[in-house]
Amino acid sequence: MRKGSIPENLNSVAERIVTACRSCDRRAEDVTLLAVSKTRPAADLREAYGAGQRHFGENYLQEALDKQAELADCAITWHFIGPLQSNKTRDVAGHFHWMHTVERLKIARRLSEQRPADMPPLNVCLQVNIDGEDSKSGVSPEDLPELAAAVAALPNLQLRGLMAIPAPRGASEDQRTPFIQLATLLDALKSQLPDQPLDTLSMGMSGDMEAAIFSGATIVRIGTDIFGRRD
């Protein structure tokens, strides 16, 4: 169940972003709120859109495509934030503005090859397995520079930055550790690839958003605190 209405929850999250940014001398407008809308009906997305939300993140491809068709009248920026099989890259290449979970060159090549010629380059983030968890997807920090260089060379992709889903941690200080590590990796890539607009850190969710913003997040992925817990 939700604690409040979707517009009320969006407003509450926006206030948290402002407060977090003030605490670390950042501008709230430099942090994009990505509403994680997986499993939510299109009606919920439309309600959020009516309250001013424009960026939505989806994990499940067919569900996302169905929502896109139903919400075709809305000027939504669509982000794909789930794992992607190589046989499903064409739909992501043709229907999304952002792809956050690139972890293999094979996937990146297919996205570039299948991006329609009449669309701008697909914005991509490389997913990093920042904690080295066997259960998590993502490139290792050690292999990141090689993958980043290869993806940056692809013609129909725009390498924007990094994404991570760290292991849960309790205290805010502990939550910051992997986020700071990801920010450090992005700084290294900026030196390695100075011609790329590496301006994006996609990190932080409902439970650790403040720690992520403190550590430099530019996109925070919030689902539960907007739409409530999934059944």
Protein backbone atom coordinates (compact mmCIF):
# COMPACT_ATOMS: atom_id res chain seq x y z
CA MET A 1 0.00 0.00 0.00
CA ARG A 2 1.05 3.57 -0.60
CA LYS A 3 1.36 6.00 2.26
CA GLY A 4 -0.05 8.79 0.12
CA SER A 5 -1.22 9.52 -3.38
CA ILE A 6 1.28 9.32 -6.23
CA PRO A 7 1.44 13.15 -6.55
CA GLU A 8 1.95 13.48 -2.80
CA ASN A 9 4.69 10.88 -2.84
CA LEU A 10 6.41 12.53 -5.78
CA ASN A 11 6.38 15.81 -3.91
CA SER A 12 7.82 14.12 -0.82
CA VAL A 13 10.64 12.53 -2.81
CA ALA A 14 11.38 15.85 -4.52
CA GLU A 15 11.66 17.49 -1.10
CA ARG A 16 14.08 14.77 0.01
CA ILE A 17 16.21 15.44 -3.07
CA VAL A 18 16.29 19.16 -2.31
CA THR A 19 17.22 18.54 1.33
CA ALA A 20 19.93 16.04 0.39
CA CYS A 21 21.42 18.41 -2.17
CA ARG A 22 21.48 21.28 0.29
CA SER A 23 23.35 19.12 2.80
CA CYS A 24 26.22 18.59 0.36
CA ASP A 25 26.11 21.92 -1.48
CA ARG A 26 24.67 20.55 -4.72
CA ARG A 27 21.90 21.88 -6.93
CA ALA A 28 18.67 19.88 -6.86
CA GLU A 29 18.21 20.45 -10.59
CA ASP A 30 21.38 18.42 -11.20
CA VAL A 31 19.67 15.27 -9.89
CA THR A 32 17.06 13.60 -12.11
CA LEU A 33 14.30 11.62 -10.44
CA LEU A 34 13.70 8.38 -12.34
CA ALA A 35 10.37 6.82 -11.38
CA VAL A 36 10.82 3.04 -11.37
CA SER A 37 7.48 1.88 -12.70
CA LYS A 38 7.96 -1.87 -13.24
CA THR A 39 4.79 -3.90 -12.55
CA ARG A 40 2.77 -0.68 -12.21
CA PRO A 41 -0.25 -0.18 -14.47
CA ALA A 42 -0.12 2.50 -17.12
CA ALA A 43 -2.74 4.41 -15.14
CA ASP A 44 -0.23 4.93 -12.33
CA LEU A 45 2.34 6.26 -14.77
CA ARG A 46 -0.24 8.60 -16.26
CA GLU A 47 -1.06 9.89 -12.78
CA ALA A 48 2.61 10.52 -12.10
CA TYR A 49 2.98 12.17 -15.49
CA GLY A 50 0.07 14.45 -14.66
CA ALA A 51 1.94 15.47 -11.51
CA GLY A 52 4.97 16.50 -13.58
CA GLN A 53 7.09 13.33 -13.67
CA ARG A 54 8.75 12.77 -17.05
CA HIS A 55 11.42 10.08 -16.59
CA PHE A 56 10.26 6.48 -16.10
CA GLY A 57 12.36 3.33 -15.69
CA GLU A 58 11.18 -0.11 -16.74
CA ASN A 59 12.73 -3.53 -16.09
CA TYR A 60 10.57 -5.86 -18.17
CA LEU A 61 10.61 -5.29 -21.89
CA GLN A 62 7.19 -6.50 -23.03
CA GLU A 63 5.47 -4.78 -20.12
CA ALA A 64 7.28 -1.57 -21.02
CA LEU A 65 6.33 -1.78 -24.68
CA ASP A 66 2.68 -2.23 -23.74
CA LYS A 67 2.81 0.85 -21.51
CA GLN A 68 4.55 2.88 -24.19
CA ALA A 69 1.73 2.10 -26.60
CA GLU A 70 -0.90 3.07 -24.04
CA LEU A 71 0.94 6.26 -23.09
CA ALA A 72 1.93 7.33 -26.59
CA ASP A 73 0.28 10.71 -26.03
CA CYS A 74 2.67 11.49 -23.15
CA ALA A 75 6.12 13.00 -23.73
CA ILE A 76 7.89 10.45 -21.53
CA THR A 77 11.62 9.82 -21.45
CA TRP A 78 11.91 6.03 -21.23
CA HIS A 79 14.80 4.33 -19.44
CA PHE A 80 15.45 0.59 -19.58
CA ILE A 81 16.97 -0.46 -16.26
CA GLY A 82 16.63 -4.24 -16.27
CA PRO A 83 18.77 -7.11 -17.52
CA LEU A 84 18.62 -7.56 -21.28
CA GLN A 85 19.06 -10.70 -23.36
CA SER A 86 20.82 -10.30 -26.68
CA ASN A 87 17.76 -11.48 -28.62
CA LYS A 88 15.72 -8.56 -27.26
CA THR A 89 18.05 -5.69 -28.00
CA ARG A 90 16.15 -4.50 -31.07
CA ASP A 91 13.11 -3.35 -29.09
CA VAL A 92 15.25 -1.48 -26.58
CA ALA A 93 17.23 0.12 -29.40
CA GLY A 94 14.03 1.29 -31.08
CA HIS A 95 11.84 2.31 -28.14
CA PHE A 96 14.00 3.79 -25.36
CA HIS A 97 15.97 6.96 -24.75
CA TRP A 98 18.29 5.46 -22.12
CA MET A 99 19.76 2.03 -21.36
CA HIS A 100 21.32 1.74 -17.89
CA THR A 101 22.44 -1.87 -17.75
CA VAL A 102 25.03 -2.42 -20.47
CA GLU A 103 27.58 -4.89 -19.12
CA ARG A 104 28.78 -6.73 -22.24
CA LEU A 105 30.17 -5.51 -25.53
CA LYS A 106 27.93 -7.94 -27.44
CA ILE A 107 24.83 -6.18 -26.09
CA ALA A 108 26.27 -2.75 -26.83
CA ARG A 109 27.15 -3.69 -30.41
CA ARG A 110 23.66 -4.99 -31.07
CA LEU A 111 22.06 -1.86 -29.60
CA SER A 112 24.24 0.31 -31.83
CA GLU A 113 23.55 -1.76 -34.95
CA GLN A 114 19.80 -1.83 -34.31
CA ARG A 115 19.30 1.81 -33.32
CA PRO A 116 17.00 3.31 -35.99
CA ALA A 117 18.71 5.83 -38.26
CA ASP A 118 16.07 8.48 -37.57
CA MET A 119 16.66 8.41 -33.80
CA PRO A 120 19.48 10.13 -31.90
CA PRO A 121 22.16 7.95 -30.31
CA LEU A 122 20.93 5.81 -27.43
CA ASN A 123 22.21 7.10 -24.09
CA VAL A 124 23.88 4.25 -22.22
CA CYS A 125 25.32 3.64 -18.79
CA LEU A 126 27.65 0.76 -18.03
CA GLN A 127 26.48 -1.35 -15.10
CA VAL A 128 29.28 -2.03 -12.63
CA ASN A 129 29.21 -4.91 -10.16
CA ILE A 130 30.68 -2.65 -7.52
CA ASP A 131 30.61 -5.25 -4.72
CA GLY A 132 31.66 -8.24 -6.80
CA GLU A 133 28.46 -10.13 -5.96
CA ASP A 134 27.86 -13.38 -7.80
CA SER A 135 24.13 -12.67 -7.83
CA LYS A 136 24.48 -9.25 -9.47
CA SER A 137 25.03 -8.34 -13.09
CA GLY A 138 27.65 -5.86 -14.16
CA VAL A 139 31.18 -5.48 -15.41
CA SER A 140 33.95 -5.67 -12.83
CA PRO A 141 35.81 -2.46 -11.97
CA GLU A 142 38.96 -4.06 -13.41
CA ASP A 143 37.34 -4.74 -16.80
CA LEU A 144 35.46 -1.43 -16.95
CA PRO A 145 38.10 0.67 -18.83
CA GLU A 146 38.29 -1.82 -21.72
CA LEU A 147 34.51 -2.07 -22.04
CA ALA A 148 34.07 1.70 -21.81
CA ALA A 149 36.57 2.33 -24.61
CA ALA A 150 34.85 -0.19 -26.87
CA VAL A 151 31.35 1.16 -26.19
CA ALA A 152 32.49 4.76 -26.69
CA ALA A 153 33.62 3.82 -30.20
CA LEU A 154 30.20 2.55 -31.29
CA PRO A 155 28.46 4.98 -33.68
CA ASN A 156 24.85 4.91 -32.48
CA LEU A 157 25.41 4.92 -28.73
CA GLN A 158 26.30 7.80 -26.44
CA LEU A 159 28.25 6.67 -23.39
CA ARG A 160 26.95 8.81 -20.54
CA GLY A 161 28.22 7.17 -17.37
CA LEU A 162 27.91 4.38 -14.85
CA MET A 163 25.17 2.55 -12.97
CA ALA A 164 25.33 0.27 -9.93
CA ILE A 165 23.08 -1.56 -7.49
CA PRO A 166 25.22 -2.02 -4.37
CA ALA A 167 24.56 -4.62 -1.70
CA PRO A 168 22.25 -3.32 1.05
CA ARG A 169 23.97 -1.50 3.88
CA GLY A 170 22.58 -0.05 7.09
CA ALA A 171 24.19 3.21 8.16
CA SER A 172 24.32 6.13 5.78
CA GLU A 173 28.12 6.29 6.05
CA ASP A 174 28.37 2.65 4.98
CA GLN A 175 25.93 3.25 2.11
CA ARG A 176 28.21 5.93 0.73
CA THR A 177 31.22 3.63 0.30
CA PRO A 178 30.18 1.88 -2.96
CA PHE A 179 28.72 5.08 -4.36
CA ILE A 180 31.98 6.93 -3.81
CA GLN A 181 33.80 4.01 -5.44
CA LEU A 182 31.54 4.32 -8.50
CA ALA A 183 32.12 8.08 -8.66
CA THR A 184 35.86 7.46 -8.53
CA LEU A 185 35.59 5.00 -11.43
CA LEU A 186 33.69 7.62 -13.45
CA ASP A 187 36.38 10.22 -12.77
CA ALA A 188 38.99 7.77 -14.09
CA LEU A 189 36.94 7.22 -17.25
CA LYS A 190 36.74 10.97 -17.81
CA SER A 191 40.52 11.06 -17.96
CA GLN A 192 40.61 8.00 -20.21
CA LEU A 193 37.89 9.21 -22.58
CA PRO A 194 37.97 13.03 -22.55
CA ASP A 195 35.82 13.28 -25.69
CA GLN A 196 32.84 11.54 -24.05
CA PRO A 197 30.13 13.45 -22.08
CA LEU A 198 30.57 11.29 -19.00
CA ASP A 199 28.15 13.16 -16.79
CA THR A 200 25.92 10.44 -15.31
CA LEU A 201 25.95 8.38 -12.13
CA SER A 202 22.77 6.29 -11.98
CA MET A 203 22.71 5.17 -8.36
CA GLY A 204 20.53 5.32 -5.29
CA MET A 205 17.07 3.95 -4.59
CA SER A 206 14.37 4.57 -2.00
CA GLY A 207 16.46 3.31 0.92
CA ASP A 208 19.79 4.94 0.11
CA MET A 209 18.96 7.93 -2.05
CA GLU A 210 20.50 10.50 0.30
CA ALA A 211 23.81 8.62 0.48
CA ALA A 212 23.88 8.39 -3.31
CA ILE A 213 23.23 12.11 -3.77
CA PHE A 214 25.95 12.93 -1.24
CA SER A 215 28.31 10.80 -3.34
CA GLY A 216 27.46 12.47 -6.65
CA ALA A 217 24.39 10.69 -8.07
CA THR A 218 22.84 12.46 -11.06
CA ILE A 219 19.97 9.97 -11.52
CA VAL A 220 18.20 8.35 -8.56
CA ARG A 221 15.92 5.39 -9.27
CA ILE A 222 12.89 5.52 -6.98
CA GLY A 223 9.99 3.08 -7.08
CA THR A 224 8.62 2.14 -3.66
CA ASP A 225 8.52 5.68 -2.25
CA ILE A 226 6.49 6.84 -5.25
CA PHE A 227 4.21 3.94 -6.09
CA GLY A 228 4.24 1.94 -2.83
CA ARG A 229 5.40 -1.60 -2.27
CA ARG A 230 4.66 -4.14 -4.96
CA ASP A 231 2.23 -6.93 -4.11
